[in-house]
Amino acid sequence: MAELDESGTAGPSLYTGRGDSGRTTFGRHGDVAKTDVRVAAYEECDEANAQVSVVMAVGNLPIGITSTLASVQNDLFDLVADLAVPLDAAEPATARIQESHLTRLERAVDHFEPDAADLSGRVLPGGTVAASLLYQARAVVRRAERAVWVAVEAHPAVVNPLCARYLNRLSTLLFVLARGANAEHGDVQWVPEASALAMAQEDGAAAQPADTDPA
């Protein structure tokens, strides 16, 4: 994904230095601080897309899942293209997140949910390599969703709330896929206060008096 500091015009150098002041030209939002919540939302979504690419590259997942994730990556590019152009811009954006984007994710959740077998209980983000990567991608997506909601709240007239809703659906899909990736070997179940209980048992055993010879 192109850096925000780039104007889009090819040049002899990638290090223009235009962003060294802490400001950037962010799409059609114009000149803004790099700490602007709109820029933060964009970058968090960029990271989410990169994390999905890691899942696809090393997760060794079935072709049906990788194809779905490839579609998700394209959606996420639609999403950042949406974020880069204000809703009230005079010229239309190259892409906007629409209700149909969300519907496709909901259908994907319905399609893959049977592979997860049991979605009840609390599980730790681990298990197989594929599941671990999917859980990690889900955590990044949820952080991106929060960043987009911050941008929506700060700039309700220019940031599309469907972007945040899309990320909410995507986190659900990634959770379902992660549970499915662990279906054969089983999830890692959460045991509340497991470490504390183990310590209590150890301390209790240590406090028991040692057996003595009655003679």
N, C-alpha and C. Protein backbone atom coordinates (compact mmCIF):
# COMPACT_ATOMS: atom_id res chain seq x y z
N MET A 1 0.85 -1.18 0.00
CA MET A 1 0.00 0.00 0.00
C MET A 1 0.89 1.24 0.00
N ALA A 2 0.56 2.21 -0.77
CA ALA A 2 1.40 3.39 -0.90
C ALA A 2 1.43 4.17 0.41
N GLU A 3 2.59 4.76 0.68
CA GLU A 3 2.70 5.61 1.85
C GLU A 3 1.84 6.85 1.68
N LEU A 4 1.33 7.37 2.78
CA LEU A 4 0.45 8.51 2.72
C LEU A 4 1.17 9.78 2.27
N ASP A 5 2.48 9.82 2.48
CA ASP A 5 3.22 11.01 2.10
C ASP A 5 3.41 11.13 0.60
N GLU A 6 3.18 10.05 -0.12
CA GLU A 6 3.42 10.08 -1.55
C GLU A 6 2.26 10.75 -2.28
N SER A 7 2.57 11.51 -3.29
CA SER A 7 1.53 12.20 -4.04
C SER A 7 0.92 11.33 -5.11
N GLY A 8 1.57 10.18 -5.36
CA GLY A 8 1.09 9.29 -6.41
C GLY A 8 1.85 9.49 -7.71
N THR A 9 2.69 10.52 -7.76
CA THR A 9 3.48 10.78 -8.95
C THR A 9 4.83 10.09 -8.83
N ALA A 10 5.20 9.36 -9.84
CA ALA A 10 6.47 8.66 -9.81
C ALA A 10 7.62 9.65 -9.73
N GLY A 11 8.61 9.34 -8.93
CA GLY A 11 9.75 10.23 -8.78
C GLY A 11 11.03 9.44 -8.62
N PRO A 12 12.16 10.10 -8.57
CA PRO A 12 13.43 9.39 -8.50
C PRO A 12 13.75 8.85 -7.12
N SER A 13 13.03 9.29 -6.08
CA SER A 13 13.38 8.88 -4.73
C SER A 13 12.14 8.53 -3.93
N LEU A 14 12.26 7.50 -3.06
CA LEU A 14 11.15 7.13 -2.19
C LEU A 14 11.18 7.94 -0.90
N TYR A 15 12.31 8.56 -0.59
CA TYR A 15 12.40 9.34 0.64
C TYR A 15 12.36 10.83 0.32
N THR A 16 11.12 11.31 0.20
CA THR A 16 10.93 12.71 -0.18
C THR A 16 11.16 13.66 0.98
N GLY A 17 10.98 13.17 2.22
CA GLY A 17 11.14 14.03 3.38
C GLY A 17 9.95 14.92 3.65
N ARG A 18 8.89 14.81 2.83
CA ARG A 18 7.75 15.70 3.02
C ARG A 18 7.03 15.45 4.34
N GLY A 19 7.18 14.23 4.89
CA GLY A 19 6.50 13.93 6.14
C GLY A 19 7.35 14.15 7.38
N ASP A 20 8.54 14.72 7.21
CA ASP A 20 9.45 14.89 8.34
C ASP A 20 8.94 15.89 9.37
N SER A 21 7.96 16.69 9.02
CA SER A 21 7.41 17.67 9.95
C SER A 21 6.32 17.09 10.84
N GLY A 22 5.97 15.82 10.61
CA GLY A 22 4.89 15.21 11.38
C GLY A 22 3.53 15.41 10.77
N ARG A 23 3.50 15.90 9.53
CA ARG A 23 2.25 16.09 8.83
C ARG A 23 2.29 15.31 7.52
N THR A 24 1.11 15.07 6.95
CA THR A 24 1.03 14.29 5.73
C THR A 24 -0.16 14.75 4.90
N THR A 25 -0.09 14.50 3.62
CA THR A 25 -1.25 14.73 2.75
C THR A 25 -2.03 13.43 2.70
N PHE A 26 -3.14 13.41 3.41
CA PHE A 26 -3.92 12.18 3.55
C PHE A 26 -5.06 12.16 2.55
N GLY A 27 -4.87 11.45 1.45
CA GLY A 27 -5.91 11.33 0.45
C GLY A 27 -6.49 12.69 0.09
N ARG A 28 -7.83 12.76 0.08
CA ARG A 28 -8.50 14.02 -0.20
C ARG A 28 -8.93 14.76 1.06
N HIS A 29 -8.40 14.31 2.20
CA HIS A 29 -8.62 15.04 3.44
C HIS A 29 -7.67 16.23 3.53
N GLY A 30 -6.64 16.23 2.69
CA GLY A 30 -5.69 17.34 2.68
C GLY A 30 -4.58 17.16 3.68
N ASP A 31 -3.97 18.27 4.06
CA ASP A 31 -2.83 18.27 4.96
C ASP A 31 -3.31 18.10 6.40
N VAL A 32 -2.86 17.00 7.02
CA VAL A 32 -3.27 16.71 8.40
C VAL A 32 -2.06 16.21 9.18
N ALA A 33 -2.16 16.22 10.50
CA ALA A 33 -1.11 15.66 11.34
C ALA A 33 -1.08 14.15 11.19
N LYS A 34 0.11 13.57 11.29
CA LYS A 34 0.20 12.11 11.20
C LYS A 34 -0.47 11.43 12.39
N THR A 35 -0.71 12.19 13.44
CA THR A 35 -1.42 11.66 14.60
C THR A 35 -2.92 11.82 14.50
N ASP A 36 -3.41 12.38 13.40
CA ASP A 36 -4.85 12.54 13.20
C ASP A 36 -5.53 11.17 13.27
N VAL A 37 -6.70 11.13 13.89
CA VAL A 37 -7.40 9.85 14.08
C VAL A 37 -7.77 9.20 12.75
N ARG A 38 -7.97 10.00 11.71
CA ARG A 38 -8.28 9.43 10.39
C ARG A 38 -7.07 8.70 9.82
N VAL A 39 -5.90 9.27 10.01
CA VAL A 39 -4.68 8.62 9.56
C VAL A 39 -4.43 7.35 10.38
N ALA A 40 -4.65 7.44 11.69
CA ALA A 40 -4.47 6.27 12.56
C ALA A 40 -5.39 5.13 12.13
N ALA A 41 -6.63 5.44 11.81
CA ALA A 41 -7.57 4.41 11.36
C ALA A 41 -7.09 3.76 10.08
N TYR A 42 -6.65 4.58 9.14
CA TYR A 42 -6.12 4.07 7.86
C TYR A 42 -4.97 3.11 8.11
N GLU A 43 -4.03 3.52 8.94
CA GLU A 43 -2.84 2.71 9.17
C GLU A 43 -3.16 1.42 9.90
N GLU A 44 -4.09 1.47 10.85
CA GLU A 44 -4.49 0.24 11.55
C GLU A 44 -5.13 -0.76 10.58
N CYS A 45 -5.91 -0.25 9.64
CA CYS A 45 -6.53 -1.13 8.64
C CYS A 45 -5.50 -1.68 7.67
N ASP A 46 -4.48 -0.88 7.36
CA ASP A 46 -3.37 -1.35 6.53
C ASP A 46 -2.66 -2.51 7.23
N GLU A 47 -2.43 -2.37 8.55
CA GLU A 47 -1.79 -3.44 9.31
C GLU A 47 -2.66 -4.70 9.33
N ALA A 48 -3.97 -4.51 9.47
CA ALA A 48 -4.88 -5.66 9.47
C ALA A 48 -4.77 -6.43 8.16
N ASN A 49 -4.69 -5.71 7.04
CA ASN A 49 -4.56 -6.37 5.75
C ASN A 49 -3.25 -7.14 5.68
N ALA A 50 -2.16 -6.54 6.18
CA ALA A 50 -0.87 -7.22 6.18
C ALA A 50 -0.92 -8.49 7.04
N GLN A 51 -1.65 -8.42 8.16
CA GLN A 51 -1.74 -9.58 9.03
C GLN A 51 -2.52 -10.71 8.36
N VAL A 52 -3.56 -10.37 7.62
CA VAL A 52 -4.30 -11.39 6.86
C VAL A 52 -3.38 -12.05 5.84
N SER A 53 -2.48 -11.27 5.25
CA SER A 53 -1.56 -11.84 4.26
C SER A 53 -0.64 -12.86 4.90
N VAL A 54 -0.25 -12.64 6.16
CA VAL A 54 0.60 -13.61 6.87
C VAL A 54 -0.15 -14.91 7.08
N VAL A 55 -1.42 -14.81 7.47
CA VAL A 55 -2.25 -16.02 7.63
C VAL A 55 -2.27 -16.82 6.33
N MET A 56 -2.47 -16.13 5.22
CA MET A 56 -2.55 -16.80 3.92
C MET A 56 -1.21 -17.43 3.52
N ALA A 57 -0.12 -16.75 3.87
CA ALA A 57 1.20 -17.20 3.42
C ALA A 57 1.70 -18.42 4.17
N VAL A 58 1.46 -18.48 5.47
CA VAL A 58 2.07 -19.55 6.27
C VAL A 58 1.06 -20.39 7.03
N GLY A 59 -0.22 -20.12 6.89
CA GLY A 59 -1.22 -20.86 7.65
C GLY A 59 -1.53 -22.24 7.11
N ASN A 60 -1.13 -22.52 5.87
CA ASN A 60 -1.40 -23.83 5.25
C ASN A 60 -2.88 -24.19 5.35
N LEU A 61 -3.72 -23.23 4.98
CA LEU A 61 -5.16 -23.40 5.08
C LEU A 61 -5.75 -23.96 3.79
N PRO A 62 -6.93 -24.55 3.86
CA PRO A 62 -7.59 -25.05 2.64
C PRO A 62 -7.86 -23.93 1.65
N ILE A 63 -7.96 -24.30 0.38
CA ILE A 63 -8.11 -23.31 -0.69
C ILE A 63 -9.38 -22.48 -0.51
N GLY A 64 -10.43 -23.08 0.03
CA GLY A 64 -11.66 -22.33 0.23
C GLY A 64 -11.48 -21.18 1.20
N ILE A 65 -10.68 -21.40 2.24
CA ILE A 65 -10.43 -20.34 3.22
C ILE A 65 -9.49 -19.29 2.65
N THR A 66 -8.42 -19.72 1.98
CA THR A 66 -7.49 -18.75 1.42
C THR A 66 -8.17 -17.89 0.35
N SER A 67 -9.09 -18.48 -0.39
CA SER A 67 -9.83 -17.69 -1.38
C SER A 67 -10.70 -16.65 -0.70
N THR A 68 -11.33 -17.04 0.39
CA THR A 68 -12.14 -16.09 1.16
C THR A 68 -11.27 -14.97 1.71
N LEU A 69 -10.10 -15.31 2.23
CA LEU A 69 -9.20 -14.30 2.79
C LEU A 69 -8.65 -13.39 1.70
N ALA A 70 -8.45 -13.93 0.49
CA ALA A 70 -8.01 -13.10 -0.62
C ALA A 70 -9.08 -12.05 -0.94
N SER A 71 -10.33 -12.46 -0.89
CA SER A 71 -11.44 -11.52 -1.09
C SER A 71 -11.47 -10.48 0.02
N VAL A 72 -11.19 -10.92 1.25
CA VAL A 72 -11.13 -10.00 2.38
C VAL A 72 -10.04 -8.95 2.17
N GLN A 73 -8.88 -9.40 1.67
CA GLN A 73 -7.80 -8.44 1.42
C GLN A 73 -8.23 -7.37 0.42
N ASN A 74 -8.94 -7.77 -0.60
CA ASN A 74 -9.43 -6.79 -1.57
C ASN A 74 -10.44 -5.84 -0.92
N ASP A 75 -11.30 -6.41 -0.06
CA ASP A 75 -12.25 -5.56 0.68
C ASP A 75 -11.51 -4.54 1.54
N LEU A 76 -10.45 -4.98 2.21
CA LEU A 76 -9.71 -4.08 3.08
C LEU A 76 -9.04 -2.96 2.29
N PHE A 77 -8.68 -3.24 1.05
CA PHE A 77 -8.16 -2.17 0.21
C PHE A 77 -9.29 -1.22 -0.18
N ASP A 78 -10.49 -1.78 -0.45
CA ASP A 78 -11.66 -0.91 -0.65
C ASP A 78 -11.86 -0.01 0.57
N LEU A 79 -11.66 -0.61 1.74
CA LEU A 79 -11.93 0.10 2.98
C LEU A 79 -10.98 1.28 3.18
N VAL A 80 -9.68 1.07 2.93
CA VAL A 80 -8.75 2.18 3.12
C VAL A 80 -8.94 3.23 2.02
N ALA A 81 -9.36 2.80 0.82
CA ALA A 81 -9.67 3.76 -0.23
C ALA A 81 -10.85 4.63 0.19
N ASP A 82 -11.80 4.01 0.89
CA ASP A 82 -12.95 4.73 1.43
C ASP A 82 -12.49 5.74 2.48
N LEU A 83 -11.66 5.30 3.42
CA LEU A 83 -11.20 6.18 4.49
C LEU A 83 -10.42 7.38 3.97
N ALA A 84 -9.76 7.21 2.82
CA ALA A 84 -8.91 8.28 2.29
C ALA A 84 -9.70 9.40 1.62
N VAL A 85 -11.00 9.17 1.39
CA VAL A 85 -11.82 10.18 0.70
C VAL A 85 -13.02 10.53 1.56
N PRO A 86 -13.19 11.79 1.93
CA PRO A 86 -14.34 12.18 2.77
C PRO A 86 -15.66 11.81 2.11
N LEU A 87 -16.64 11.49 2.94
CA LEU A 87 -17.96 11.15 2.41
C LEU A 87 -18.57 12.31 1.62
N ASP A 88 -18.22 13.53 2.01
CA ASP A 88 -18.80 14.70 1.35
C ASP A 88 -17.91 15.26 0.23
N ALA A 89 -16.94 14.44 -0.24
CA ALA A 89 -16.05 14.90 -1.30
C ALA A 89 -16.84 15.16 -2.58
N ALA A 90 -16.41 16.15 -3.34
CA ALA A 90 -17.10 16.51 -4.58
C ALA A 90 -17.02 15.38 -5.60
N GLU A 91 -15.85 14.76 -5.68
CA GLU A 91 -15.66 13.64 -6.62
C GLU A 91 -15.81 12.33 -5.87
N PRO A 92 -16.42 11.32 -6.48
CA PRO A 92 -16.63 10.04 -5.79
C PRO A 92 -15.32 9.33 -5.50
N ALA A 93 -15.31 8.52 -4.45
CA ALA A 93 -14.16 7.70 -4.13
C ALA A 93 -14.04 6.55 -5.11
N THR A 94 -12.82 6.01 -5.24
CA THR A 94 -12.61 4.84 -6.10
C THR A 94 -13.42 3.66 -5.58
N ALA A 95 -13.55 3.56 -4.27
CA ALA A 95 -14.32 2.46 -3.67
C ALA A 95 -14.90 2.93 -2.35
N ARG A 96 -16.08 2.43 -2.03
CA ARG A 96 -16.72 2.64 -0.75
C ARG A 96 -17.16 1.29 -0.19
N ILE A 97 -17.07 1.14 1.14
CA ILE A 97 -17.64 -0.04 1.78
C ILE A 97 -19.16 0.10 1.78
N GLN A 98 -19.84 -0.96 1.33
CA GLN A 98 -21.28 -0.95 1.20
C GLN A 98 -21.89 -2.10 2.01
N GLU A 99 -23.18 -2.09 2.16
CA GLU A 99 -23.85 -3.17 2.89
C GLU A 99 -23.55 -4.54 2.28
N SER A 100 -23.36 -4.58 0.96
CA SER A 100 -23.08 -5.86 0.30
C SER A 100 -21.76 -6.45 0.76
N HIS A 101 -20.79 -5.60 1.12
CA HIS A 101 -19.53 -6.12 1.69
C HIS A 101 -19.82 -6.88 2.98
N LEU A 102 -20.67 -6.31 3.82
CA LEU A 102 -21.01 -6.96 5.09
C LEU A 102 -21.79 -8.25 4.87
N THR A 103 -22.69 -8.22 3.90
CA THR A 103 -23.51 -9.41 3.62
C THR A 103 -22.64 -10.58 3.20
N ARG A 104 -21.63 -10.32 2.38
CA ARG A 104 -20.73 -11.39 1.95
C ARG A 104 -20.00 -12.00 3.14
N LEU A 105 -19.57 -11.16 4.09
CA LEU A 105 -18.90 -11.69 5.28
C LEU A 105 -19.86 -12.53 6.12
N GLU A 106 -21.10 -12.08 6.25
CA GLU A 106 -22.08 -12.83 7.03
C GLU A 106 -22.33 -14.20 6.39
N ARG A 107 -22.38 -14.22 5.07
CA ARG A 107 -22.55 -15.51 4.38
C ARG A 107 -21.34 -16.40 4.57
N ALA A 108 -20.15 -15.80 4.61
CA ALA A 108 -18.93 -16.58 4.84
C ALA A 108 -18.94 -17.16 6.25
N VAL A 109 -19.39 -16.39 7.23
CA VAL A 109 -19.50 -16.89 8.59
C VAL A 109 -20.45 -18.08 8.63
N ASP A 110 -21.61 -17.95 7.99
CA ASP A 110 -22.59 -19.04 7.95
C ASP A 110 -22.01 -20.27 7.27
N HIS A 111 -21.18 -20.05 6.24
CA HIS A 111 -20.61 -21.17 5.48
C HIS A 111 -19.57 -21.94 6.30
N PHE A 112 -18.73 -21.23 7.02
CA PHE A 112 -17.63 -21.88 7.73
C PHE A 112 -17.97 -22.27 9.17
N GLU A 113 -19.08 -21.77 9.68
CA GLU A 113 -19.43 -22.06 11.08
C GLU A 113 -19.55 -23.55 11.37
N PRO A 114 -20.13 -24.37 10.48
CA PRO A 114 -20.22 -25.81 10.78
C PRO A 114 -18.86 -26.47 10.98
N ASP A 115 -17.80 -25.94 10.35
CA ASP A 115 -16.47 -26.52 10.51
C ASP A 115 -15.93 -26.30 11.91
N ALA A 116 -16.44 -25.28 12.60
CA ALA A 116 -15.97 -24.98 13.95
C ALA A 116 -16.61 -25.89 14.99
N ALA A 117 -17.67 -26.57 14.61
CA ALA A 117 -18.38 -27.53 15.46
C ALA A 117 -18.99 -26.86 16.69
N ASP A 118 -18.17 -26.50 17.67
CA ASP A 118 -18.69 -25.95 18.92
C ASP A 118 -18.08 -24.57 19.14
N LEU A 119 -18.91 -23.54 19.15
CA LEU A 119 -18.43 -22.17 19.35
C LEU A 119 -18.66 -21.68 20.77
N SER A 120 -19.08 -22.58 21.67
CA SER A 120 -19.32 -22.19 23.05
C SER A 120 -18.01 -22.23 23.83
N GLY A 121 -18.04 -21.70 25.03
CA GLY A 121 -16.88 -21.74 25.90
C GLY A 121 -15.88 -20.65 25.62
N ARG A 122 -14.92 -20.53 26.52
CA ARG A 122 -13.84 -19.56 26.40
C ARG A 122 -12.57 -20.28 26.04
N VAL A 123 -11.92 -19.85 24.99
CA VAL A 123 -10.71 -20.53 24.53
C VAL A 123 -9.55 -19.55 24.48
N LEU A 124 -8.36 -20.07 24.63
CA LEU A 124 -7.15 -19.27 24.52
C LEU A 124 -6.76 -19.16 23.05
N PRO A 125 -6.12 -18.06 22.66
CA PRO A 125 -5.74 -17.88 21.25
C PRO A 125 -4.50 -18.69 20.90
N GLY A 126 -4.73 -19.96 20.65
CA GLY A 126 -3.61 -20.84 20.32
C GLY A 126 -4.09 -22.09 19.62
N GLY A 127 -3.31 -23.15 19.75
CA GLY A 127 -3.64 -24.41 19.08
C GLY A 127 -2.73 -24.63 17.90
N THR A 128 -3.29 -24.82 16.73
CA THR A 128 -2.50 -25.01 15.53
C THR A 128 -1.88 -23.68 15.09
N VAL A 129 -0.89 -23.78 14.18
CA VAL A 129 -0.27 -22.58 13.64
C VAL A 129 -1.33 -21.71 12.96
N ALA A 130 -2.18 -22.34 12.15
CA ALA A 130 -3.20 -21.59 11.42
C ALA A 130 -4.14 -20.88 12.39
N ALA A 131 -4.60 -21.58 13.42
CA ALA A 131 -5.51 -20.97 14.38
C ALA A 131 -4.84 -19.81 15.11
N SER A 132 -3.58 -19.99 15.51
CA SER A 132 -2.87 -18.93 16.21
C SER A 132 -2.77 -17.68 15.35
N LEU A 133 -2.46 -17.86 14.07
CA LEU A 133 -2.35 -16.72 13.16
C LEU A 133 -3.70 -16.05 12.95
N LEU A 134 -4.76 -16.85 12.88
CA LEU A 134 -6.10 -16.30 12.70
C LEU A 134 -6.54 -15.52 13.93
N TYR A 135 -6.22 -16.04 15.11
CA TYR A 135 -6.52 -15.30 16.34
C TYR A 135 -5.76 -13.98 16.38
N GLN A 136 -4.49 -14.02 15.95
CA GLN A 136 -3.70 -12.79 15.92
C GLN A 136 -4.30 -11.78 14.94
N ALA A 137 -4.69 -12.26 13.77
CA ALA A 137 -5.32 -11.38 12.78
C ALA A 137 -6.61 -10.79 13.35
N ARG A 138 -7.36 -11.57 14.07
CA ARG A 138 -8.60 -11.08 14.68
C ARG A 138 -8.32 -9.96 15.67
N ALA A 139 -7.27 -10.13 16.48
CA ALA A 139 -6.92 -9.09 17.45
C ALA A 139 -6.54 -7.79 16.75
N VAL A 140 -5.80 -7.89 15.64
CA VAL A 140 -5.41 -6.70 14.89
C VAL A 140 -6.64 -6.03 14.26
N VAL A 141 -7.55 -6.85 13.74
CA VAL A 141 -8.77 -6.31 13.13
C VAL A 141 -9.63 -5.60 14.17
N ARG A 142 -9.72 -6.16 15.36
CA ARG A 142 -10.52 -5.52 16.40
C ARG A 142 -9.91 -4.17 16.81
N ARG A 143 -8.58 -4.11 16.82
CA ARG A 143 -7.93 -2.83 17.12
C ARG A 143 -8.21 -1.83 16.00
N ALA A 144 -8.17 -2.30 14.77
CA ALA A 144 -8.49 -1.42 13.63
C ALA A 144 -9.92 -0.93 13.72
N GLU A 145 -10.84 -1.81 14.12
CA GLU A 145 -12.24 -1.38 14.25
C GLU A 145 -12.38 -0.26 15.26
N ARG A 146 -11.69 -0.41 16.41
CA ARG A 146 -11.77 0.65 17.42
C ARG A 146 -11.24 1.97 16.88
N ALA A 147 -10.14 1.90 16.11
CA ALA A 147 -9.55 3.12 15.55
C ALA A 147 -10.52 3.78 14.57
N VAL A 148 -11.22 2.98 13.78
CA VAL A 148 -12.18 3.55 12.82
C VAL A 148 -13.35 4.18 13.56
N TRP A 149 -13.82 3.55 14.63
CA TRP A 149 -14.92 4.15 15.39
C TRP A 149 -14.50 5.49 15.99
N VAL A 150 -13.25 5.59 16.44
CA VAL A 150 -12.75 6.86 16.95
C VAL A 150 -12.81 7.93 15.86
N ALA A 151 -12.40 7.54 14.65
CA ALA A 151 -12.43 8.48 13.52
C ALA A 151 -13.86 8.86 13.16
N VAL A 152 -14.77 7.89 13.22
CA VAL A 152 -16.18 8.18 12.93
C VAL A 152 -16.74 9.17 13.95
N GLU A 153 -16.43 8.94 15.22
CA GLU A 153 -16.95 9.82 16.26
C GLU A 153 -16.37 11.23 16.14
N ALA A 154 -15.09 11.32 15.74
CA ALA A 154 -14.46 12.64 15.63
C ALA A 154 -14.86 13.37 14.36
N HIS A 155 -15.15 12.61 13.29
CA HIS A 155 -15.47 13.21 11.99
C HIS A 155 -16.69 12.50 11.37
N PRO A 156 -17.85 12.59 12.00
CA PRO A 156 -19.02 11.83 11.54
C PRO A 156 -19.48 12.18 10.13
N ALA A 157 -19.17 13.37 9.67
CA ALA A 157 -19.64 13.79 8.35
C ALA A 157 -18.76 13.29 7.22
N VAL A 158 -17.56 12.82 7.57
CA VAL A 158 -16.62 12.47 6.49
C VAL A 158 -16.11 11.04 6.53
N VAL A 159 -16.33 10.30 7.63
CA VAL A 159 -15.83 8.93 7.75
C VAL A 159 -17.00 7.96 7.72
N ASN A 160 -16.93 6.99 6.85
CA ASN A 160 -18.02 6.04 6.62
C ASN A 160 -18.11 5.03 7.76
N PRO A 161 -19.20 5.00 8.53
CA PRO A 161 -19.32 4.04 9.64
C PRO A 161 -19.41 2.59 9.17
N LEU A 162 -19.76 2.36 7.91
CA LEU A 162 -19.79 1.00 7.40
C LEU A 162 -18.41 0.36 7.43
N CYS A 163 -17.36 1.19 7.41
CA CYS A 163 -16.00 0.64 7.51
C CYS A 163 -15.81 -0.06 8.85
N ALA A 164 -16.27 0.57 9.93
CA ALA A 164 -16.16 -0.04 11.25
C ALA A 164 -17.04 -1.28 11.36
N ARG A 165 -18.23 -1.22 10.80
CA ARG A 165 -19.13 -2.38 10.86
C ARG A 165 -18.55 -3.55 10.07
N TYR A 166 -17.88 -3.26 8.95
CA TYR A 166 -17.23 -4.32 8.18
C TYR A 166 -16.18 -5.02 9.04
N LEU A 167 -15.38 -4.24 9.73
CA LEU A 167 -14.32 -4.82 10.56
C LEU A 167 -14.91 -5.64 11.71
N ASN A 168 -16.05 -5.23 12.22
CA ASN A 168 -16.72 -6.01 13.26
C ASN A 168 -17.12 -7.39 12.72
N ARG A 169 -17.69 -7.42 11.51
CA ARG A 169 -18.06 -8.70 10.90
C ARG A 169 -16.81 -9.54 10.61
N LEU A 170 -15.74 -8.87 10.18
CA LEU A 170 -14.52 -9.60 9.84
C LEU A 170 -13.92 -10.27 11.08
N SER A 171 -13.97 -9.60 12.22
CA SER A 171 -13.44 -10.22 13.43
C SER A 171 -14.22 -11.48 13.78
N THR A 172 -15.52 -11.48 13.53
CA THR A 172 -16.33 -12.68 13.76
C THR A 172 -15.92 -13.80 12.82
N LEU A 173 -15.71 -13.48 11.55
CA LEU A 173 -15.29 -14.49 10.58
C LEU A 173 -13.95 -15.09 10.99
N LEU A 174 -13.00 -14.27 11.38
CA LEU A 174 -11.68 -14.77 11.76
C LEU A 174 -11.76 -15.67 12.99
N PHE A 175 -12.65 -15.34 13.93
CA PHE A 175 -12.85 -16.19 15.10
C PHE A 175 -13.39 -17.55 14.69
N VAL A 176 -14.39 -17.55 13.82
CA VAL A 176 -14.96 -18.81 13.34
C VAL A 176 -13.91 -19.64 12.61
N LEU A 177 -13.11 -19.00 11.77
CA LEU A 177 -12.07 -19.72 11.04
C LEU A 177 -11.02 -20.29 11.99
N ALA A 178 -10.69 -19.54 13.03
CA ALA A 178 -9.71 -20.02 14.00
C ALA A 178 -10.23 -21.24 14.75
N ARG A 179 -11.49 -21.20 15.15
CA ARG A 179 -12.07 -22.36 15.83
C ARG A 179 -12.11 -23.56 14.90
N GLY A 180 -12.41 -23.30 13.62
CA GLY A 180 -12.41 -24.39 12.66
C GLY A 180 -11.03 -24.98 12.44
N ALA A 181 -10.01 -24.13 12.47
CA ALA A 181 -8.63 -24.61 12.28
C ALA A 181 -8.18 -25.51 13.42
N ASN A 182 -8.82 -25.38 14.58
CA ASN A 182 -8.48 -26.21 15.74
C ASN A 182 -9.43 -27.40 15.90
N ALA A 183 -10.37 -27.55 15.00
CA ALA A 183 -11.43 -28.57 15.19
C ALA A 183 -10.85 -29.97 15.34
N GLU A 184 -9.83 -30.28 14.57
CA GLU A 184 -9.28 -31.65 14.60
C GLU A 184 -8.51 -31.92 15.88
N HIS A 185 -7.76 -30.93 16.37
CA HIS A 185 -6.89 -31.14 17.53
C HIS A 185 -7.49 -30.60 18.82
N GLY A 186 -8.52 -29.79 18.73
CA GLY A 186 -9.16 -29.24 19.92
C GLY A 186 -8.61 -27.87 20.30
N ASP A 187 -9.48 -27.04 20.84
CA ASP A 187 -9.08 -25.72 21.28
C ASP A 187 -8.34 -25.79 22.61
N VAL A 188 -7.63 -24.72 22.92
CA VAL A 188 -6.98 -24.59 24.21
C VAL A 188 -7.97 -23.88 25.13
N GLN A 189 -8.54 -24.60 26.07
CA GLN A 189 -9.60 -24.06 26.91
C GLN A 189 -9.06 -23.16 28.02
N TRP A 190 -9.82 -22.12 28.32
CA TRP A 190 -9.48 -21.23 29.43
C TRP A 190 -9.95 -21.85 30.73
N VAL A 191 -9.05 -21.90 31.73
CA VAL A 191 -9.40 -22.36 33.07
C VAL A 191 -9.26 -21.16 34.00
N PRO A 192 -10.36 -20.60 34.48
CA PRO A 192 -10.28 -19.41 35.33
C PRO A 192 -9.38 -19.62 36.55
N GLU A 193 -8.48 -18.69 36.76
CA GLU A 193 -7.58 -18.66 37.91
C GLU A 193 -6.76 -19.95 38.04
N ALA A 194 -6.41 -20.54 36.91
CA ALA A 194 -5.69 -21.82 36.95
C ALA A 194 -4.38 -21.73 37.72
N SER A 195 -3.61 -20.67 37.47
CA SER A 195 -2.31 -20.54 38.15
C SER A 195 -2.49 -20.36 39.65
N ALA A 196 -3.47 -19.54 40.05
CA ALA A 196 -3.70 -19.31 41.47
C ALA A 196 -4.15 -20.59 42.17
N LEU A 197 -5.02 -21.36 41.50
CA LEU A 197 -5.50 -22.61 42.09
C LEU A 197 -4.36 -23.61 42.24
N ALA A 198 -3.50 -23.65 41.23
CA ALA A 198 -2.36 -24.56 41.30
C ALA A 198 -1.44 -24.19 42.46
N MET A 199 -1.21 -22.89 42.64
CA MET A 199 -0.36 -22.46 43.75
C MET A 199 -0.99 -22.80 45.10
N ALA A 200 -2.31 -22.63 45.18
CA ALA A 200 -3.01 -22.94 46.44
C ALA A 200 -2.88 -24.42 46.76
N GLN A 201 -2.98 -25.26 45.73
CA GLN A 201 -2.85 -26.70 45.95
C GLN A 201 -1.44 -27.05 46.39
N GLU A 202 -0.44 -26.40 45.75
CA GLU A 202 0.94 -26.67 46.11
C GLU A 202 1.23 -26.23 47.55
N ASP A 203 0.71 -25.00 47.89
CA ASP A 203 0.94 -24.50 49.24
C ASP A 203 0.25 -25.38 50.27
N GLY A 204 -0.97 -25.87 49.91
CA GLY A 204 -1.69 -26.74 50.83
C GLY A 204 -0.97 -28.04 51.05
N ALA A 205 -0.39 -28.61 49.98
CA ALA A 205 0.34 -29.86 50.11
C ALA A 205 1.59 -29.66 50.95
N ALA A 206 2.26 -28.50 50.77
CA ALA A 206 3.49 -28.25 51.52
C ALA A 206 3.20 -28.05 53.00
N ALA A 207 1.98 -27.58 53.32
CA ALA A 207 1.65 -27.31 54.71
C ALA A 207 1.26 -28.56 55.48
N GLN A 208 0.98 -29.66 54.78
CA GLN A 208 0.60 -30.90 55.44
C GLN A 208 1.79 -31.45 56.22
N PRO A 209 1.58 -31.89 57.45
CA PRO A 209 2.71 -32.46 58.23
C PRO A 209 3.17 -33.77 57.60
N ALA A 210 4.45 -33.98 57.64
CA ALA A 210 5.02 -35.21 57.08
C ALA A 210 4.64 -36.39 57.96
N ASP A 211 4.46 -37.55 57.34
CA ASP A 211 4.16 -38.76 58.09
C ASP A 211 5.35 -39.09 59.01
N THR A 212 5.05 -39.47 60.24
CA THR A 212 6.12 -39.82 61.18
C THR A 212 5.96 -41.29 61.59
N ASP A 213 7.04 -41.87 61.98
CA ASP A 213 7.03 -43.28 62.44
C ASP A 213 6.46 -43.32 63.84
N PRO A 214 5.30 -43.98 64.05
CA PRO A 214 4.70 -44.01 65.40
C PRO A 214 5.60 -44.67 66.43
N ALA A 215 6.54 -45.50 65.99
CA ALA A 215 7.42 -46.16 66.95
C ALA A 215 8.49 -45.18 67.41
